[in-house]
């Protein structure tokens, strides 16, 4: 399954890893389409969602470029395309996130997305 993220004229597609985070993906699928407002934190985009999830699943303190994750405390989907303000030689989220997918198309365009941009997420 793939999700499409639409930021105005900019789009990216992520492939979901249902073996890695089935509970996280199921919770997100129930709320699709999801609409939100972008926040930037270094080279991370995140936005609040209506998704309710309390389970740390495949939870990681270090992520890879292109990872798509869910941040439980902020009920937010996060797209990582570079370093955050707390990164060292590795990409680090604010706190552990459930990694549930990988951006396969449009990763290089995410640097153009600004805080305050509207985002829509739906099945590709």
PDB file of N, CA and C in Angstrom:
ATOM      1  N   UNK A   1       0.844  -1.181   0.000  1.00  0.00           N
ATOM      2  CA  UNK A   1       0.000   0.000   0.000  1.00  0.00           C
ATOM      3  C   UNK A   1       0.891   1.246   0.000  1.00  0.00           C
ATOM      4  N   UNK A   2       0.422   2.280  -0.673  1.00  0.00           N
ATOM      5  CA  UNK A   2       1.167   3.539  -0.735  1.00  0.00           C
ATOM      6  C   UNK A   2       0.282   4.685  -0.275  1.00  0.00           C
ATOM      7  N   UNK A   3       0.914   5.678   0.341  1.00  0.00           N
ATOM      8  CA  UNK A   3       0.236   6.914   0.706  1.00  0.00           C
ATOM      9  C   UNK A   3       0.803   8.045  -0.120  1.00  0.00           C
ATOM     10  N   UNK A   4      -0.083   8.944  -0.541  1.00  0.00           N
ATOM     11  CA  UNK A   4       0.345  10.153  -1.243  1.00  0.00           C
ATOM     12  C   UNK A   4       0.158  11.337  -0.302  1.00  0.00           C
ATOM     13  N   UNK A   5       1.211  12.150  -0.212  1.00  0.00           N
ATOM     14  CA  UNK A   5       1.198  13.381   0.580  1.00  0.00           C
ATOM     15  C   UNK A   5       1.169  14.537  -0.412  1.00  0.00           C
ATOM     16  N   UNK A   6       0.161  15.394  -0.311  1.00  0.00           N
ATOM     17  CA  UNK A   6       0.015  16.521  -1.232  1.00  0.00           C
ATOM     18  C   UNK A   6       0.158  17.819  -0.438  1.00  0.00           C
ATOM     19  N   UNK A   7       1.199  18.586  -0.808  1.00  0.00           N
ATOM     20  CA  UNK A   7       1.494  19.881  -0.192  1.00  0.00           C
ATOM     21  C   UNK A   7       1.316  20.943  -1.275  1.00  0.00           C
ATOM     22  N   UNK A   8       0.105  21.352  -1.573  1.00  0.00           N
ATOM     23  CA  UNK A   8      -0.111  22.297  -2.665  1.00  0.00           C
ATOM     24  C   UNK A   8       0.338  21.673  -3.978  1.00  0.00           C
ATOM     25  N   UNK A   9       1.356  22.266  -4.625  1.00  0.00           N
ATOM     26  CA  UNK A   9       1.866  21.758  -5.907  1.00  0.00           C
ATOM     27  C   UNK A   9       2.889  20.625  -5.731  1.00  0.00           C
ATOM     28  N   UNK A  10       3.334  20.408  -4.511  1.00  0.00           N
ATOM     29  CA  UNK A  10       4.374  19.402  -4.248  1.00  0.00           C
ATOM     30  C   UNK A  10       3.727  18.120  -3.737  1.00  0.00           C
ATOM     31  N   UNK A  11       4.161  16.991  -4.289  1.00  0.00           N
ATOM     32  CA  UNK A  11       3.625  15.699  -3.872  1.00  0.00           C
ATOM     33  C   UNK A  11       4.768  14.728  -3.614  1.00  0.00           C
ATOM     34  N   UNK A  12       4.524  13.815  -2.683  1.00  0.00           N
ATOM     35  CA  UNK A  12       5.450  12.708  -2.509  1.00  0.00           C
ATOM     36  C   UNK A  12       4.650  11.452  -2.192  1.00  0.00           C
ATOM     37  N   UNK A  13       5.241  10.305  -2.472  1.00  0.00           N
ATOM     38  CA  UNK A  13       4.586   9.019  -2.273  1.00  0.00           C
ATOM     39  C   UNK A  13       5.455   8.163  -1.361  1.00  0.00           C
ATOM     40  N   UNK A  14       4.802   7.540  -0.385  1.00  0.00           N
ATOM     41  CA  UNK A  14       5.505   6.650   0.542  1.00  0.00           C
ATOM     42  C   UNK A  14       4.926   5.247   0.434  1.00  0.00           C
ATOM     43  N   UNK A  15       5.827   4.278   0.449  1.00  0.00           N
ATOM     44  CA  UNK A  15       5.415   2.883   0.490  1.00  0.00           C
ATOM     45  C   UNK A  15       5.354   2.457   1.944  1.00  0.00           C
ATOM     46  N   UNK A  16       4.231   1.836   2.338  1.00  0.00           N
ATOM     47  CA  UNK A  16       4.043   1.440   3.727  1.00  0.00           C
ATOM     48  C   UNK A  16       4.584   0.038   3.958  1.00  0.00           C
ATOM     49  N   UNK A  17       5.138  -0.146   5.132  1.00  0.00           N
ATOM     50  CA  UNK A  17       5.711  -1.438   5.513  1.00  0.00           C
ATOM     51  C   UNK A  17       4.794  -2.068   6.564  1.00  0.00           C
ATOM     52  N   UNK A  18       3.798  -2.823   6.074  1.00  0.00           N
ATOM     53  CA  UNK A  18       2.775  -3.362   6.969  1.00  0.00           C
ATOM     54  C   UNK A  18       3.321  -4.450   7.892  1.00  0.00           C
ATOM     55  N   UNK A  19       4.456  -5.059   7.543  1.00  0.00           N
ATOM     56  CA  UNK A  19       5.064  -6.052   8.433  1.00  0.00           C
ATOM     57  C   UNK A  19       5.740  -5.368   9.623  1.00  0.00           C
ATOM     58  N   UNK A  20       6.210  -4.157   9.392  1.00  0.00           N
ATOM     59  CA  UNK A  20       6.983  -3.435  10.399  1.00  0.00           C
ATOM     60  C   UNK A  20       6.095  -2.746  11.441  1.00  0.00           C
ATOM     61  N   UNK A  21       4.937  -2.244  11.016  1.00  0.00           N
ATOM     62  CA  UNK A  21       4.096  -1.435  11.912  1.00  0.00           C
ATOM     63  C   UNK A  21       2.611  -1.585  11.572  1.00  0.00           C
ATOM     64  N   UNK A  22       2.063  -2.798  11.674  1.00  0.00           N
ATOM     65  CA  UNK A  22       0.672  -3.015  11.264  1.00  0.00           C
ATOM     66  C   UNK A  22      -0.352  -2.228  12.084  1.00  0.00           C
ATOM     67  N   UNK A  23      -0.139  -2.078  13.382  1.00  0.00           N
ATOM     68  CA  UNK A  23      -1.102  -1.349  14.216  1.00  0.00           C
ATOM     69  C   UNK A  23      -1.101   0.136  13.885  1.00  0.00           C
ATOM     70  N   UNK A  24       0.077   0.697  13.658  1.00  0.00           N
ATOM     71  CA  UNK A  24       0.201   2.112  13.296  1.00  0.00           C
ATOM     72  C   UNK A  24      -0.487   2.367  11.955  1.00  0.00           C
ATOM     73  N   UNK A  25      -0.227   1.521  10.980  1.00  0.00           N
ATOM     74  CA  UNK A  25      -0.817   1.693   9.646  1.00  0.00           C
ATOM     75  C   UNK A  25      -2.332   1.553   9.708  1.00  0.00           C
ATOM     76  N   UNK A  26      -2.827   0.593  10.462  1.00  0.00           N
ATOM     77  CA  UNK A  26      -4.276   0.401  10.589  1.00  0.00           C
ATOM     78  C   UNK A  26      -4.938   1.636  11.195  1.00  0.00           C
ATOM     79  N   UNK A  27      -4.319   2.209  12.231  1.00  0.00           N
ATOM     80  CA  UNK A  27      -4.866   3.414  12.873  1.00  0.00           C
ATOM     81  C   UNK A  27      -4.894   4.590  11.898  1.00  0.00           C
ATOM     82  N   UNK A  28      -3.867   4.716  11.076  1.00  0.00           N
ATOM     83  CA  UNK A  28      -3.811   5.806  10.092  1.00  0.00           C
ATOM     84  C   UNK A  28      -4.839   5.582   8.990  1.00  0.00           C
ATOM     85  N   UNK A  29      -4.945   4.344   8.489  1.00  0.00           N
ATOM     86  CA  UNK A  29      -5.898   4.049   7.409  1.00  0.00           C
ATOM     87  C   UNK A  29      -7.334   4.392   7.811  1.00  0.00           C
ATOM     88  N   UNK A  30      -7.687   4.191   9.073  1.00  0.00           N
ATOM     89  CA  UNK A  30      -9.042   4.484   9.561  1.00  0.00           C
ATOM     90  C   UNK A  30      -9.386   5.959   9.458  1.00  0.00           C
ATOM     91  N   UNK A  31      -8.379   6.821   9.463  1.00  0.00           N
ATOM     92  CA  UNK A  31      -8.613   8.276   9.463  1.00  0.00           C
ATOM     93  C   UNK A  31      -8.453   8.930   8.089  1.00  0.00           C
ATOM     94  N   UNK A  32      -8.074   8.149   7.078  1.00  0.00           N
ATOM     95  CA  UNK A  32      -7.838   8.730   5.748  1.00  0.00           C
ATOM     96  C   UNK A  32      -9.140   9.194   5.105  1.00  0.00           C
ATOM     97  N   UNK A  33      -9.130  10.257   4.314  1.00  0.00           N
ATOM     98  CA  UNK A  33      -7.977  11.145   4.083  1.00  0.00           C
ATOM     99  C   UNK A  33      -7.708  12.006   5.316  1.00  0.00           C
ATOM    100  N   UNK A  34      -6.449  12.313   5.532  1.00  0.00           N
ATOM    101  CA  UNK A  34      -6.034  13.155   6.650  1.00  0.00           C
ATOM    102  C   UNK A  34      -5.613  14.511   6.095  1.00  0.00           C
ATOM    103  N   UNK A  35      -6.080  15.564   6.764  1.00  0.00           N
ATOM    104  CA  UNK A  35      -5.685  16.921   6.394  1.00  0.00           C
ATOM    105  C   UNK A  35      -4.991  17.557   7.594  1.00  0.00           C
ATOM    106  N   UNK A  36      -3.963  18.318   7.311  1.00  0.00           N
ATOM    107  CA  UNK A  36      -3.233  18.965   8.397  1.00  0.00           C
ATOM    108  C   UNK A  36      -2.475  20.178   7.922  1.00  0.00           C
ATOM    109  N   UNK A  37      -1.764  20.775   8.858  1.00  0.00           N
ATOM    110  CA  UNK A  37      -0.935  21.957   8.588  1.00  0.00           C
ATOM    111  C   UNK A  37       0.515  21.592   8.923  1.00  0.00           C
ATOM    112  N   UNK A  38       1.404  21.837   7.979  1.00  0.00           N
ATOM    113  CA  UNK A  38       2.813  21.471   8.105  1.00  0.00           C
ATOM    114  C   UNK A  38       3.526  22.300   9.171  1.00  0.00           C
ATOM    115  N   UNK A  39       4.335  21.600   9.935  1.00  0.00           N
ATOM    116  CA  UNK A  39       5.353  22.213  10.793  1.00  0.00           C
ATOM    117  C   UNK A  39       6.691  21.698  10.290  1.00  0.00           C
ATOM    118  N   UNK A  40       7.691  22.558  10.293  1.00  0.00           N
ATOM    119  CA  UNK A  40       9.063  22.141   9.929  1.00  0.00           C
ATOM    120  C   UNK A  40       9.911  22.163  11.184  1.00  0.00           C
ATOM    121  N   UNK A  41      10.742  21.144  11.324  1.00  0.00           N
ATOM    122  CA  UNK A  41      11.712  21.081  12.413  1.00  0.00           C
ATOM    123  C   UNK A  41      13.005  20.594  11.794  1.00  0.00           C
ATOM    124  N   UNK A  42      13.821  21.544  11.371  1.00  0.00           N
ATOM    125  CA  UNK A  42      14.990  21.178  10.568  1.00  0.00           C
ATOM    126  C   UNK A  42      14.492  20.551   9.272  1.00  0.00           C
ATOM    127  N   UNK A  43      15.066  19.422   8.885  1.00  0.00           N
ATOM    128  CA  UNK A  43      14.634  18.729   7.672  1.00  0.00           C
ATOM    129  C   UNK A  43      13.668  17.598   8.021  1.00  0.00           C
ATOM    130  N   UNK A  44      12.689  17.956   8.836  1.00  0.00           N
ATOM    131  CA  UNK A  44      11.569  17.077   9.157  1.00  0.00           C
ATOM    132  C   UNK A  44      10.298  17.874   8.965  1.00  0.00           C
ATOM    133  N   UNK A  45       9.325  17.247   8.318  1.00  0.00           N
ATOM    134  CA  UNK A  45       7.970  17.788   8.235  1.00  0.00           C
ATOM    135  C   UNK A  45       7.136  16.946   9.174  1.00  0.00           C
ATOM    136  N   UNK A  46       6.321  17.612   9.989  1.00  0.00           N
ATOM    137  CA  UNK A  46       5.369  16.865  10.801  1.00  0.00           C
ATOM    138  C   UNK A  46       4.061  17.641  10.862  1.00  0.00           C
ATOM    139  N   UNK A  47       2.981  16.912  11.073  1.00  0.00           N
ATOM    140  CA  UNK A  47       1.669  17.545  11.173  1.00  0.00           C
ATOM    141  C   UNK A  47       0.754  16.686  12.035  1.00  0.00           C
ATOM    142  N   UNK A  48      -0.060  17.384  12.814  1.00  0.00           N
ATOM    143  CA  UNK A  48      -0.990  16.715  13.720  1.00  0.00           C
ATOM    144  C   UNK A  48      -2.087  16.016  12.924  1.00  0.00           C
ATOM    145  N   UNK A  49      -2.539  14.886  13.457  1.00  0.00           N
ATOM    146  CA  UNK A  49      -3.579  14.082  12.819  1.00  0.00           C
ATOM    147  C   UNK A  49      -4.650  13.735  13.863  1.00  0.00           C
ATOM    148  N   UNK A  50      -5.794  13.208  13.412  1.00  0.00           N
ATOM    149  CA  UNK A  50      -6.791  12.721  14.370  1.00  0.00           C
ATOM    150  C   UNK A  50      -6.498  11.299  14.861  1.00  0.00           C
ATOM    151  N   UNK A  51      -5.382  10.728  14.438  1.00  0.00           N
ATOM    152  CA  UNK A  51      -5.038   9.343  14.772  1.00  0.00           C
ATOM    153  C   UNK A  51      -4.756   9.215  16.268  1.00  0.00           C
ATOM    154  N   UNK A  52      -5.393   8.208  16.874  1.00  0.00           N
ATOM    155  CA  UNK A  52      -5.152   7.917  18.288  1.00  0.00           C
ATOM    156  C   UNK A  52      -4.424   6.585  18.357  1.00  0.00           C
ATOM    157  N   UNK A  53      -3.237   6.604  18.932  1.00  0.00           N
ATOM    158  CA  UNK A  53      -2.420   5.398  19.039  1.00  0.00           C
ATOM    159  C   UNK A  53      -1.574   5.522  20.303  1.00  0.00           C
ATOM    160  N   UNK A  54      -1.585   4.485  21.118  1.00  0.00           N
ATOM    161  CA  UNK A  54      -0.822   4.531  22.365  1.00  0.00           C
ATOM    162  C   UNK A  54       0.312   3.510  22.373  1.00  0.00           C
ATOM    163  N   UNK A  55       0.421   2.730  21.309  1.00  0.00           N
ATOM    164  CA  UNK A  55       1.371   1.619  21.277  1.00  0.00           C
ATOM    165  C   UNK A  55       2.658   2.017  20.570  1.00  0.00           C
ATOM    166  N   UNK A  56       3.778   1.877  21.278  1.00  0.00           N
ATOM    167  CA  UNK A  56       5.068   2.049  20.636  1.00  0.00           C
ATOM    168  C   UNK A  56       5.345   0.802  19.808  1.00  0.00           C
ATOM    169  N   UNK A  57       5.383   0.965  18.495  1.00  0.00           N
ATOM    170  CA  UNK A  57       5.530  -0.175  17.589  1.00  0.00           C
ATOM    171  C   UNK A  57       6.693   0.118  16.652  1.00  0.00           C
ATOM    172  N   UNK A  58       7.726  -0.718  16.696  1.00  0.00           N
ATOM    173  CA  UNK A  58       8.904  -0.466  15.877  1.00  0.00           C
ATOM    174  C   UNK A  58       9.460   0.926  16.193  1.00  0.00           C
ATOM    175  N   UNK A  59       9.409   1.302  17.454  1.00  0.00           N
ATOM    176  CA  UNK A  59       9.760   2.638  17.903  1.00  0.00           C
ATOM    177  C   UNK A  59      11.267   2.879  17.789  1.00  0.00           C
ATOM    178  N   UNK A  60      11.632   4.023  17.200  1.00  0.00           N
ATOM    179  CA  UNK A  60      13.044   4.315  16.936  1.00  0.00           C
ATOM    180  C   UNK A  60      13.419   5.714  17.397  1.00  0.00           C
ATOM    181  N   UNK A  61      14.634   5.826  17.973  1.00  0.00           N
ATOM    182  CA  UNK A  61      15.205   7.117  18.357  1.00  0.00           C
ATOM    183  C   UNK A  61      16.097   7.676  17.265  1.00  0.00           C
ATOM    184  N   UNK A  62      16.463   6.833  16.303  1.00  0.00           N
ATOM    185  CA  UNK A  62      17.271   7.231  15.149  1.00  0.00           C
ATOM    186  C   UNK A  62      16.527   6.741  13.916  1.00  0.00           C
ATOM    187  N   UNK A  63      16.378   7.613  12.925  1.00  0.00           N
ATOM    188  CA  UNK A  63      15.666   7.256  11.699  1.00  0.00           C
ATOM    189  C   UNK A  63      16.578   7.468  10.500  1.00  0.00           C
ATOM    190  N   UNK A  64      16.099   7.039   9.342  1.00  0.00           N
ATOM    191  CA  UNK A  64      16.857   7.208   8.100  1.00  0.00           C
ATOM    192  C   UNK A  64      16.173   8.244   7.217  1.00  0.00           C
ATOM    193  N   UNK A  65      16.959   8.835   6.323  1.00  0.00           N
ATOM    194  CA  UNK A  65      16.388   9.758   5.345  1.00  0.00           C
ATOM    195  C   UNK A  65      15.309   9.035   4.557  1.00  0.00           C
ATOM    196  N   UNK A  66      14.142   9.665   4.442  1.00  0.00           N
ATOM    197  CA  UNK A  66      13.029   9.070   3.712  1.00  0.00           C
ATOM    198  C   UNK A  66      12.053   8.311   4.584  1.00  0.00           C
ATOM    199  N   UNK A  67      12.385   8.118   5.865  1.00  0.00           N
ATOM    200  CA  UNK A  67      11.454   7.412   6.749  1.00  0.00           C
ATOM    201  C   UNK A  67      10.195   8.235   6.980  1.00  0.00           C
ATOM    202  N   UNK A  68       9.070   7.519   7.075  1.00  0.00           N
ATOM    203  CA  UNK A  68       7.786   8.101   7.444  1.00  0.00           C
ATOM    204  C   UNK A  68       7.408   7.442   8.765  1.00  0.00           C
ATOM    205  N   UNK A  69       7.036   8.261   9.745  1.00  0.00           N
ATOM    206  CA  UNK A  69       6.812   7.728  11.086  1.00  0.00           C
ATOM    207  C   UNK A  69       5.624   8.414  11.751  1.00  0.00           C
ATOM    208  N   UNK A  70       5.168   7.805  12.845  1.00  0.00           N
ATOM    209  CA  UNK A  70       4.111   8.399  13.661  1.00  0.00           C
ATOM    210  C   UNK A  70       4.696   8.715  15.027  1.00  0.00           C
ATOM    211  N   UNK A  71       4.487   9.960  15.465  1.00  0.00           N
ATOM    212  CA  UNK A  71       4.980  10.429  16.756  1.00  0.00           C
ATOM    213  C   UNK A  71       3.800  10.450  17.707  1.00  0.00           C
ATOM    214  N   UNK A  72       3.766   9.490  18.640  1.00  0.00           N
ATOM    215  CA  UNK A  72       2.616   9.300  19.520  1.00  0.00           C
ATOM    216  C   UNK A  72       2.295  10.533  20.375  1.00  0.00           C
ATOM    217  N   UNK A  73       3.278  11.161  21.067  1.00  0.00           N
ATOM    218  CA  UNK A  73       2.927  12.295  21.936  1.00  0.00           C
ATOM    219  C   UNK A  73       2.238  13.454  21.200  1.00  0.00           C
ATOM    220  N   UNK A  74       2.614  13.687  19.948  1.00  0.00           N
ATOM    221  CA  UNK A  74       2.038  14.793  19.183  1.00  0.00           C
ATOM    222  C   UNK A  74       0.940  14.369  18.231  1.00  0.00           C
ATOM    223  N   UNK A  75       0.599  13.049  18.225  1.00  0.00           N
ATOM    224  CA  UNK A  75      -0.380  12.497  17.278  1.00  0.00           C
ATOM    225  C   UNK A  75      -0.061  12.985  15.864  1.00  0.00           C
ATOM    226  N   UNK A  76       1.217  12.895  15.506  1.00  0.00           N
ATOM    227  CA  UNK A  76       1.689  13.499  14.260  1.00  0.00           C
ATOM    228  C   UNK A  76       2.350  12.480  13.344  1.00  0.00           C
ATOM    229  N   UNK A  77       2.126  12.688  12.045  1.00  0.00           N
ATOM    230  CA  UNK A  77       2.883  11.970  11.026  1.00  0.00           C
ATOM    231  C   UNK A  77       4.130  12.803  10.740  1.00  0.00           C
ATOM    232  N   UNK A  78       5.274  12.130  10.639  1.00  0.00           N
ATOM    233  CA  UNK A  78       6.556  12.799  10.435  1.00  0.00           C
ATOM    234  C   UNK A  78       7.222  12.261   9.170  1.00  0.00           C
ATOM    235  N   UNK A  79       7.751  13.153   8.367  1.00  0.00           N
ATOM    236  CA  UNK A  79       8.511  12.786   7.176  1.00  0.00           C
ATOM    237  C   UNK A  79       9.923  13.324   7.361  1.00  0.00           C
ATOM    238  N   UNK A  80      10.892  12.422   7.340  1.00  0.00           N
ATOM    239  CA  UNK A  80      12.288  12.794   7.581  1.00  0.00           C
ATOM    240  C   UNK A  80      13.053  12.829   6.258  1.00  0.00           C
ATOM    241  N   UNK A  81      13.607  14.011   5.920  1.00  0.00           N
ATOM    242  CA  UNK A  81      14.360  14.136   4.680  1.00  0.00           C
ATOM    243  C   UNK A  81      15.739  14.732   4.917  1.00  0.00           C
ATOM    244  N   UNK A  82      16.147  14.756   6.168  1.00  0.00           N
ATOM    245  CA  UNK A  82      17.462  15.268   6.544  1.00  0.00           C
ATOM    246  C   UNK A  82      17.533  15.400   8.049  1.00  0.00           C
ATOM    247  N   UNK A  83      18.496  16.157   8.512  1.00  0.00           N
ATOM    248  CA  UNK A  83      18.742  16.271   9.952  1.00  0.00           C
ATOM    249  C   UNK A  83      17.762  17.221  10.637  1.00  0.00           C
ATOM    250  N   UNK A  84      17.487  16.899  11.898  1.00  0.00           N
ATOM    251  CA  UNK A  84      16.662  17.749  12.759  1.00  0.00           C
ATOM    252  C   UNK A  84      17.591  18.557  13.663  1.00  0.00           C
ATOM    253  N   UNK A  85      17.051  19.519  14.418  1.00  0.00           N
ATOM    254  CA  UNK A  85      17.913  20.300  15.317  1.00  0.00           C
ATOM    255  C   UNK A  85      18.643  19.480  16.390  1.00  0.00           C
ATOM    256  N   UNK A  86      18.170  18.260  16.702  1.00  0.00           N
ATOM    257  CA  UNK A  86      18.851  17.434  17.708  1.00  0.00           C
ATOM    258  C   UNK A  86      19.704  16.326  17.084  1.00  0.00           C
ATOM    259  N   UNK A  87      19.854  16.357  15.776  1.00  0.00           N
ATOM    260  CA  UNK A  87      20.669  15.348  15.091  1.00  0.00           C
ATOM    261  C   UNK A  87      22.149  15.575  15.358  1.00  0.00           C
ATOM    262  N   UNK A  88      22.888  14.453  15.369  1.00  0.00           N
ATOM    263  CA  UNK A  88      24.344  14.532  15.382  1.00  0.00           C
ATOM    264  C   UNK A  88      24.779  13.975  14.023  1.00  0.00           C
ATOM    265  N   UNK A  89      25.506  12.882  13.991  1.00  0.00           N
ATOM    266  CA  UNK A  89      25.837  12.281  12.700  1.00  0.00           C
ATOM    267  C   UNK A  89      24.676  11.422  12.186  1.00  0.00           C
ATOM    268  N   UNK A  90      23.641  11.255  13.009  1.00  0.00           N
ATOM    269  CA  UNK A  90      22.454  10.483  12.632  1.00  0.00           C
ATOM    270  C   UNK A  90      21.223  11.385  12.680  1.00  0.00           C
ATOM    271  N   UNK A  91      20.160  10.993  11.971  1.00  0.00           N
ATOM    272  CA  UNK A  91      18.906  11.754  11.976  1.00  0.00           C
ATOM    273  C   UNK A  91      18.123  11.334  13.218  1.00  0.00           C
ATOM    274  N   UNK A  92      17.818  12.312  14.070  1.00  0.00           N
ATOM    275  CA  UNK A  92      17.134  12.021  15.330  1.00  0.00           C
ATOM    276  C   UNK A  92      15.819  12.795  15.446  1.00  0.00           C
ATOM    277  N   UNK A  93      14.714  12.074  15.722  1.00  0.00           N
ATOM    278  CA  UNK A  93      13.459  12.754  16.019  1.00  0.00           C
ATOM    279  C   UNK A  93      13.488  13.342  17.436  1.00  0.00           C
ATOM    280  N   UNK A  94      12.483  14.130  17.790  1.00  0.00           N
ATOM    281  CA  UNK A  94      12.405  14.739  19.125  1.00  0.00           C
ATOM    282  C   UNK A  94      12.343  13.661  20.203  1.00  0.00           C
ATOM    283  N   UNK A  95      11.604  12.600  19.934  1.00  0.00           N
ATOM    284  CA  UNK A  95      11.553  11.416  20.793  1.00  0.00           C
ATOM    285  C   UNK A  95      11.193  10.246  19.882  1.00  0.00           C
ATOM    286  N   UNK A  96      11.161   9.051  20.429  1.00  0.00           N
ATOM    287  CA  UNK A  96      10.973   7.856  19.605  1.00  0.00           C
ATOM    288  C   UNK A  96       9.688   7.938  18.766  1.00  0.00           C
ATOM    289  N   UNK A  97       9.784   7.432  17.551  1.00  0.00           N
ATOM    290  CA  UNK A  97       8.665   7.425  16.604  1.00  0.00           C
ATOM    291  C   UNK A  97       8.465   6.006  16.065  1.00  0.00           C
ATOM    292  N   UNK A  98       7.219   5.708  15.673  1.00  0.00           N
ATOM    293  CA  UNK A  98       6.899   4.435  15.027  1.00  0.00           C
ATOM    294  C   UNK A  98       7.145   4.588  13.529  1.00  0.00           C
ATOM    295  N   UNK A  99       8.198   3.990  13.018  1.00  0.00           N
ATOM    296  CA  UNK A  99       8.491   4.062  11.585  1.00  0.00           C
ATOM    297  C   UNK A  99       7.564   3.084  10.864  1.00  0.00           C
ATOM    298  N   UNK A 100       6.807   3.597   9.866  1.00  0.00           N
ATOM    299  CA  UNK A 100       5.853   2.732   9.183  1.00  0.00           C
ATOM    300  C   UNK A 100       5.944   2.779   7.666  1.00  0.00           C
ATOM    301  N   UNK A 101       6.882   3.541   7.120  1.00  0.00           N
ATOM    302  CA  UNK A 101       7.001   3.591   5.672  1.00  0.00           C
ATOM    303  C   UNK A 101       8.247   4.327   5.222  1.00  0.00           C
ATOM    304  N   UNK A 102       8.393   4.384   3.888  1.00  0.00           N
ATOM    305  CA  UNK A 102       9.571   5.002   3.269  1.00  0.00           C
ATOM    306  C   UNK A 102       9.112   5.811   2.063  1.00  0.00           C
ATOM    307  N   UNK A 103       9.603   7.029   1.942  1.00  0.00           N
ATOM    308  CA  UNK A 103       9.275   7.865   0.791  1.00  0.00           C
ATOM    309  C   UNK A 103       9.996   7.311  -0.435  1.00  0.00           C
ATOM    310  N   UNK A 104       9.222   7.019  -1.485  1.00  0.00           N
ATOM    311  CA  UNK A 104       9.765   6.421  -2.701  1.00  0.00           C
ATOM    312  C   UNK A 104       9.818   7.408  -3.860  1.00  0.00           C
ATOM    313  N   UNK A 105       9.048   8.497  -3.754  1.00  0.00           N
ATOM    314  CA  UNK A 105       8.986   9.457  -4.851  1.00  0.00           C
ATOM    315  C   UNK A 105       8.749  10.845  -4.270  1.00  0.00           C
ATOM    316  N   UNK A 106       9.559  11.815  -4.664  1.00  0.00           N
ATOM    317  CA  UNK A 106       9.365  13.197  -4.245  1.00  0.00           C
ATOM    318  C   UNK A 106      10.166  13.625  -3.029  1.00  0.00           C
ATOM    319  N   UNK A 107      11.066  12.774  -2.543  1.00  0.00           N
ATOM    320  CA  UNK A 107      11.859  13.104  -1.351  1.00  0.00           C
ATOM    321  C   UNK A 107      12.622  14.415  -1.523  1.00  0.00           C
ATOM    322  N   UNK A 108      13.211  14.608  -2.694  1.00  0.00           N
ATOM    323  CA  UNK A 108      14.027  15.805  -2.946  1.00  0.00           C
ATOM    324  C   UNK A 108      13.201  17.092  -2.969  1.00  0.00           C
ATOM    325  N   UNK A 109      11.879  16.975  -3.119  1.00  0.00           N
ATOM    326  CA  UNK A 109      11.017  18.163  -3.179  1.00  0.00           C
ATOM    327  C   UNK A 109      10.618  18.680  -1.800  1.00  0.00           C
ATOM    328  N   UNK A 110      10.789  17.855  -0.764  1.00  0.00           N
ATOM    329  CA  UNK A 110      10.274  18.218   0.555  1.00  0.00           C
ATOM    330  C   UNK A 110      10.968  19.441   1.155  1.00  0.00           C
ATOM    331  N   UNK A 111      12.200  19.712   0.764  1.00  0.00           N
ATOM    332  CA  UNK A 111      12.906  20.898   1.277  1.00  0.00           C
ATOM    333  C   UNK A 111      12.169  22.187   0.896  1.00  0.00           C
ATOM    334  N   UNK A 112      11.333  22.133  -0.143  1.00  0.00           N
ATOM    335  CA  UNK A 112      10.598  23.318  -0.601  1.00  0.00           C
ATOM    336  C   UNK A 112       9.328  23.580   0.215  1.00  0.00           C
ATOM    337  N   UNK A 113       8.878  22.598   0.989  1.00  0.00           N
ATOM    338  CA  UNK A 113       7.629  22.725   1.743  1.00  0.00           C
ATOM    339  C   UNK A 113       7.883  23.565   2.992  1.00  0.00           C
ATOM    340  N   UNK A 114       7.036  24.583   3.194  1.00  0.00           N
ATOM    341  CA  UNK A 114       7.220  25.510   4.304  1.00  0.00           C
ATOM    342  C   UNK A 114       6.189  25.263   5.407  1.00  0.00           C
ATOM    343  N   UNK A 115       6.554  25.648   6.636  1.00  0.00           N
ATOM    344  CA  UNK A 115       5.603  25.602   7.747  1.00  0.00           C
ATOM    345  C   UNK A 115       4.358  26.395   7.369  1.00  0.00           C
ATOM    346  N   UNK A 116       3.201  25.895   7.770  1.00  0.00           N
ATOM    347  CA  UNK A 116       1.940  26.563   7.460  1.00  0.00           C
ATOM    348  C   UNK A 116       1.260  26.065   6.201  1.00  0.00           C
ATOM    349  N   UNK A 117       1.980  25.265   5.395  1.00  0.00           N
ATOM    350  CA  UNK A 117       1.397  24.694   4.174  1.00  0.00           C
ATOM    351  C   UNK A 117       0.367  23.642   4.558  1.00  0.00           C
ATOM    352  N   UNK A 118      -0.745  23.614   3.829  1.00  0.00           N
ATOM    353  CA  UNK A 118      -1.745  22.574   4.050  1.00  0.00           C
ATOM    354  C   UNK A 118      -1.279  21.276   3.409  1.00  0.00           C
ATOM    355  N   UNK A 119      -1.564  20.153   4.082  1.00  0.00           N
ATOM    356  CA  UNK A 119      -1.206  18.843   3.561  1.00  0.00           C
ATOM    357  C   UNK A 119      -2.443  17.951   3.581  1.00  0.00           C
ATOM    358  N   UNK A 120      -2.567  17.121   2.555  1.00  0.00           N
ATOM    359  CA  UNK A 120      -3.596  16.089   2.498  1.00  0.00           C
ATOM    360  C   UNK A 120      -2.900  14.766   2.261  1.00  0.00           C
ATOM    361  N   UNK A 121      -3.343  13.743   2.989  1.00  0.00           N
ATOM    362  CA  UNK A 121      -2.782  12.403   2.868  1.00  0.00           C
ATOM    363  C   UNK A 121      -3.893  11.460   2.463  1.00  0.00           C
ATOM    364  N   UNK A 122      -3.651  10.683   1.396  1.00  0.00           N
ATOM    365  CA  UNK A 122      -4.633   9.686   0.973  1.00  0.00           C
ATOM    366  C   UNK A 122      -3.930   8.505   0.353  1.00  0.00           C
ATOM    367  N   UNK A 123      -4.685   7.442   0.126  1.00  0.00           N
ATOM    368  CA  UNK A 123      -4.112   6.240  -0.490  1.00  0.00           C
ATOM    369  C   UNK A 123      -3.790   6.537  -1.937  1.00  0.00           C
ATOM    370  N   UNK A 124      -2.629   6.115  -2.362  1.00  0.00           N
ATOM    371  CA  UNK A 124      -2.166   6.316  -3.742  1.00  0.00           C
ATOM    372  C   UNK A 124      -2.788   5.262  -4.645  1.00  0.00           C
TER     373      UNK A 124
END
